[in-house]
N, C-alpha and C. Protein backbone atom coordinates (compact mmCIF):
# COMPACT_ATOMS: atom_id res chain seq x y z
N MET A 1 82.98 96.20 76.32
CA MET A 1 83.00 96.33 77.76
C MET A 1 83.90 97.49 78.17
N LEU A 2 85.09 97.58 77.60
CA LEU A 2 86.00 98.66 77.94
C LEU A 2 85.37 100.01 77.65
N ALA A 3 84.69 100.13 76.53
CA ALA A 3 84.02 101.39 76.18
C ALA A 3 82.97 101.74 77.23
N PHE A 4 82.24 100.74 77.74
CA PHE A 4 81.25 100.98 78.77
C PHE A 4 81.90 101.50 80.05
N ILE A 5 82.99 100.88 80.45
CA ILE A 5 83.70 101.31 81.66
C ILE A 5 84.22 102.73 81.50
N LEU A 6 84.83 103.02 80.37
CA LEU A 6 85.36 104.36 80.14
C LEU A 6 84.25 105.39 80.06
N GLN A 7 83.13 105.02 79.49
CA GLN A 7 82.02 105.95 79.33
C GLN A 7 81.35 106.24 80.67
N THR A 8 81.11 105.21 81.48
CA THR A 8 80.37 105.38 82.73
C THR A 8 81.28 105.66 83.92
N GLY A 9 82.55 105.33 83.81
CA GLY A 9 83.46 105.48 84.94
C GLY A 9 83.29 104.37 85.96
N ASN A 10 82.48 103.37 85.65
CA ASN A 10 82.24 102.26 86.56
C ASN A 10 83.33 101.21 86.36
N ASP A 11 84.21 101.10 87.35
CA ASP A 11 85.28 100.10 87.25
C ASP A 11 85.16 99.06 88.35
N GLU A 12 83.93 98.79 88.81
CA GLU A 12 83.70 97.79 89.83
C GLU A 12 83.96 96.40 89.29
N LEU A 13 84.71 95.63 90.04
CA LEU A 13 85.07 94.27 89.63
C LEU A 13 84.80 93.30 90.77
N ARG A 14 84.72 92.02 90.45
CA ARG A 14 84.43 91.03 91.47
C ARG A 14 85.50 89.94 91.58
N ARG A 15 86.22 89.68 90.53
CA ARG A 15 87.26 88.64 90.55
C ARG A 15 88.62 89.31 90.52
N SER A 16 89.57 88.68 91.17
CA SER A 16 90.90 89.27 91.29
C SER A 16 91.93 88.46 90.51
N PRO A 17 92.16 88.81 89.26
CA PRO A 17 93.21 88.13 88.51
C PRO A 17 94.58 88.69 88.89
N GLY A 18 95.61 87.98 88.58
CA GLY A 18 96.93 88.54 88.78
C GLY A 18 97.76 87.81 89.82
N THR A 19 98.94 88.35 90.06
CA THR A 19 99.90 87.77 90.98
C THR A 19 99.50 88.08 92.42
N PRO A 20 99.41 87.08 93.30
CA PRO A 20 98.91 87.30 94.65
C PRO A 20 99.62 88.39 95.46
N VAL A 21 100.94 88.53 95.34
CA VAL A 21 101.63 89.53 96.16
C VAL A 21 101.25 90.96 95.79
N PHE A 22 100.62 91.15 94.63
CA PHE A 22 100.18 92.48 94.20
C PHE A 22 98.69 92.71 94.46
N THR A 23 98.03 91.76 95.11
CA THR A 23 96.58 91.82 95.32
C THR A 23 96.22 92.83 96.39
N ALA A 24 95.25 93.69 96.10
CA ALA A 24 94.77 94.69 97.05
C ALA A 24 93.98 94.02 98.18
N PRO A 25 93.95 94.65 99.37
CA PRO A 25 93.27 94.04 100.52
C PRO A 25 91.82 93.65 100.25
N GLU A 26 91.06 94.51 99.58
CA GLU A 26 89.65 94.20 99.33
C GLU A 26 89.50 92.97 98.43
N CYS A 27 90.46 92.75 97.56
CA CYS A 27 90.43 91.56 96.70
C CYS A 27 90.71 90.30 97.51
N CYS A 28 91.62 90.41 98.47
CA CYS A 28 91.94 89.26 99.34
C CYS A 28 90.72 88.82 100.13
N LEU A 29 89.85 89.78 100.44
CA LEU A 29 88.65 89.49 101.21
C LEU A 29 87.48 89.04 100.34
N GLY A 30 87.68 89.03 99.02
CA GLY A 30 86.63 88.61 98.12
C GLY A 30 85.53 89.64 97.91
N LEU A 31 85.82 90.90 98.24
CA LEU A 31 84.84 91.97 98.10
C LEU A 31 84.83 92.52 96.68
N THR A 32 83.74 93.18 96.32
CA THR A 32 83.72 93.94 95.08
C THR A 32 84.73 95.06 95.24
N TYR A 33 85.48 95.34 94.20
CA TYR A 33 86.51 96.36 94.31
C TYR A 33 86.55 97.19 93.04
N HIS A 34 87.28 98.30 93.10
CA HIS A 34 87.42 99.18 91.94
C HIS A 34 88.78 98.96 91.31
N GLY A 35 88.79 98.78 89.99
CA GLY A 35 90.01 98.48 89.26
C GLY A 35 91.10 99.52 89.44
N LYS A 36 90.73 100.80 89.43
CA LYS A 36 91.73 101.86 89.56
C LYS A 36 92.41 101.80 90.92
N ALA A 37 91.63 101.58 91.98
CA ALA A 37 92.20 101.49 93.32
C ALA A 37 93.10 100.27 93.45
N SER A 38 92.68 99.17 92.86
CA SER A 38 93.48 97.95 92.89
C SER A 38 94.79 98.14 92.12
N ASP A 39 94.72 98.84 91.00
CA ASP A 39 95.93 99.13 90.22
C ASP A 39 96.87 100.05 90.99
N THR A 40 96.31 101.01 91.72
CA THR A 40 97.12 101.92 92.54
C THR A 40 97.87 101.13 93.60
N TRP A 41 97.19 100.17 94.23
CA TRP A 41 97.82 99.30 95.21
C TRP A 41 99.00 98.55 94.57
N ALA A 42 98.79 98.00 93.39
CA ALA A 42 99.83 97.24 92.70
C ALA A 42 101.03 98.12 92.36
N VAL A 43 100.79 99.37 92.03
CA VAL A 43 101.89 100.32 91.78
C VAL A 43 102.69 100.51 93.07
N GLY A 44 101.99 100.62 94.20
CA GLY A 44 102.67 100.75 95.49
C GLY A 44 103.54 99.56 95.81
N VAL A 45 103.03 98.36 95.56
CA VAL A 45 103.82 97.14 95.78
C VAL A 45 105.04 97.13 94.86
N THR A 46 104.84 97.52 93.61
CA THR A 46 105.94 97.56 92.64
C THR A 46 107.01 98.54 93.08
N LEU A 47 106.62 99.73 93.50
CA LEU A 47 107.57 100.74 93.95
C LEU A 47 108.33 100.25 95.18
N TYR A 48 107.61 99.66 96.13
CA TYR A 48 108.23 99.09 97.33
C TYR A 48 109.31 98.08 96.93
N CYS A 49 108.96 97.20 96.00
CA CYS A 49 109.92 96.18 95.53
C CYS A 49 111.13 96.80 94.86
N MET A 50 110.90 97.83 94.06
CA MET A 50 112.01 98.50 93.37
C MET A 50 112.97 99.16 94.35
N ILE A 51 112.44 99.74 95.41
CA ILE A 51 113.26 100.47 96.38
C ILE A 51 113.91 99.53 97.39
N LEU A 52 113.15 98.56 97.90
CA LEU A 52 113.63 97.73 99.00
C LEU A 52 114.05 96.31 98.59
N GLY A 53 113.74 95.92 97.36
CA GLY A 53 114.19 94.62 96.88
C GLY A 53 113.45 93.42 97.44
N GLU A 54 112.26 93.64 97.97
CA GLU A 54 111.44 92.54 98.50
C GLU A 54 109.97 92.94 98.46
N TYR A 55 109.09 91.95 98.56
CA TYR A 55 107.65 92.22 98.59
C TYR A 55 107.24 92.66 99.99
N PRO A 56 106.32 93.61 100.11
CA PRO A 56 105.98 94.12 101.43
C PRO A 56 105.18 93.16 102.31
N PHE A 57 104.42 92.24 101.74
CA PHE A 57 103.54 91.38 102.55
C PHE A 57 103.67 89.90 102.22
N LEU A 58 104.79 89.48 101.67
CA LEU A 58 104.96 88.09 101.24
C LEU A 58 104.95 87.14 102.43
N GLY A 59 104.09 86.12 102.34
CA GLY A 59 104.02 85.09 103.36
C GLY A 59 104.52 83.76 102.82
N ASP A 60 104.49 82.73 103.66
CA ASP A 60 104.95 81.40 103.27
C ASP A 60 103.94 80.67 102.39
N THR A 61 102.67 81.03 102.52
CA THR A 61 101.61 80.41 101.73
C THR A 61 100.74 81.51 101.13
N LEU A 62 99.87 81.14 100.22
CA LEU A 62 98.94 82.11 99.65
C LEU A 62 98.07 82.73 100.73
N GLN A 63 97.52 81.90 101.62
CA GLN A 63 96.67 82.42 102.69
C GLN A 63 97.45 83.33 103.64
N ASP A 64 98.68 82.97 103.95
CA ASP A 64 99.52 83.81 104.80
C ASP A 64 99.79 85.16 104.13
N THR A 65 100.05 85.14 102.84
CA THR A 65 100.26 86.39 102.10
C THR A 65 99.01 87.25 102.16
N TYR A 66 97.85 86.67 101.90
CA TYR A 66 96.59 87.43 101.95
C TYR A 66 96.34 87.98 103.36
N ASP A 67 96.60 87.17 104.39
CA ASP A 67 96.43 87.63 105.77
C ASP A 67 97.33 88.83 106.06
N ARG A 68 98.55 88.78 105.60
CA ARG A 68 99.48 89.89 105.81
C ARG A 68 99.03 91.15 105.06
N ILE A 69 98.56 90.97 103.83
CA ILE A 69 98.08 92.11 103.05
C ILE A 69 96.93 92.80 103.79
N VAL A 70 96.01 92.01 104.32
CA VAL A 70 94.83 92.56 104.98
C VAL A 70 95.15 93.13 106.36
N ASN A 71 96.00 92.46 107.14
CA ASN A 71 96.15 92.78 108.55
C ASN A 71 97.43 93.51 108.96
N ASN A 72 98.51 93.34 108.23
CA ASN A 72 99.78 93.93 108.67
C ASN A 72 99.95 95.36 108.16
N PRO A 73 100.50 96.22 109.01
CA PRO A 73 100.81 97.58 108.53
C PRO A 73 102.04 97.53 107.60
N ILE A 74 102.13 98.50 106.74
CA ILE A 74 103.30 98.60 105.87
C ILE A 74 104.50 99.02 106.71
N GLU A 75 105.63 98.39 106.53
CA GLU A 75 106.85 98.73 107.26
C GLU A 75 107.90 99.20 106.27
N ILE A 76 108.31 100.44 106.44
CA ILE A 76 109.33 101.03 105.57
C ILE A 76 110.45 101.53 106.46
N PRO A 77 111.68 101.12 106.21
CA PRO A 77 112.80 101.54 107.05
C PRO A 77 112.93 103.07 107.13
N ASP A 78 113.43 103.54 108.26
CA ASP A 78 113.57 104.98 108.50
C ASP A 78 114.56 105.65 107.55
N ASP A 79 115.49 104.88 106.99
CA ASP A 79 116.50 105.50 106.12
C ASP A 79 116.01 105.74 104.69
N VAL A 80 114.76 105.37 104.40
CA VAL A 80 114.18 105.65 103.08
C VAL A 80 113.82 107.13 103.03
N ASN A 81 114.07 107.76 101.90
CA ASN A 81 113.74 109.17 101.69
C ASN A 81 112.31 109.43 102.17
N PRO A 82 112.09 110.46 103.01
CA PRO A 82 110.76 110.73 103.57
C PRO A 82 109.67 110.93 102.51
N GLN A 83 109.99 111.60 101.41
CA GLN A 83 108.98 111.81 100.37
C GLN A 83 108.62 110.50 99.68
N LEU A 84 109.62 109.67 99.45
CA LEU A 84 109.38 108.36 98.85
C LEU A 84 108.58 107.47 99.81
N LYS A 85 108.94 107.52 101.08
CA LYS A 85 108.21 106.76 102.10
C LYS A 85 106.75 107.19 102.13
N ASN A 86 106.51 108.49 102.08
CA ASN A 86 105.15 109.03 102.08
C ASN A 86 104.37 108.56 100.85
N LEU A 87 105.02 108.54 99.70
CA LEU A 87 104.38 108.09 98.47
C LEU A 87 103.98 106.62 98.57
N ILE A 88 104.89 105.78 99.03
CA ILE A 88 104.60 104.35 99.15
C ILE A 88 103.47 104.12 100.15
N GLU A 89 103.53 104.81 101.29
CA GLU A 89 102.47 104.67 102.29
C GLU A 89 101.12 105.10 101.72
N GLY A 90 101.11 106.14 100.91
CA GLY A 90 99.87 106.60 100.28
C GLY A 90 99.32 105.59 99.29
N LEU A 91 100.20 105.00 98.51
CA LEU A 91 99.78 104.00 97.52
C LEU A 91 99.29 102.72 98.17
N LEU A 92 99.86 102.39 99.33
CA LEU A 92 99.50 101.16 100.04
C LEU A 92 98.60 101.43 101.24
N CYS A 93 97.82 102.49 101.15
CA CYS A 93 96.88 102.84 102.21
C CYS A 93 95.72 101.85 102.19
N LYS A 94 95.39 101.32 103.36
CA LYS A 94 94.30 100.33 103.45
C LYS A 94 93.00 101.00 103.84
C-alpha cells in the first residue's frame, strides 16, 4: 500500500486515527482528506504547543474540541515572534 501511495502520489484517506487535539478540520467533519495536509496540521499544533505550552483548540469534550478545531480561528498572542506566528498560522490554515 505504501508503495502505491508513493508511486501515485495519492494520499487520500477516510479514517482519522490519532490524538483528537491534533486532528485536522476536514477529519473532524468526517470528510475524505489528504494525509500530507493532515500531517502539516499536526505539525502546526505541535509547534503551537511547544511555543505556548497549550493546545490551540482543546475543549472540555471530544465534540467540543472538534467544534473548536472546525470553527474557531487560531489565536496567537501578539508578543510571539512575527515570523513564528506567520509559520504557525500557515500550518494551521483552514
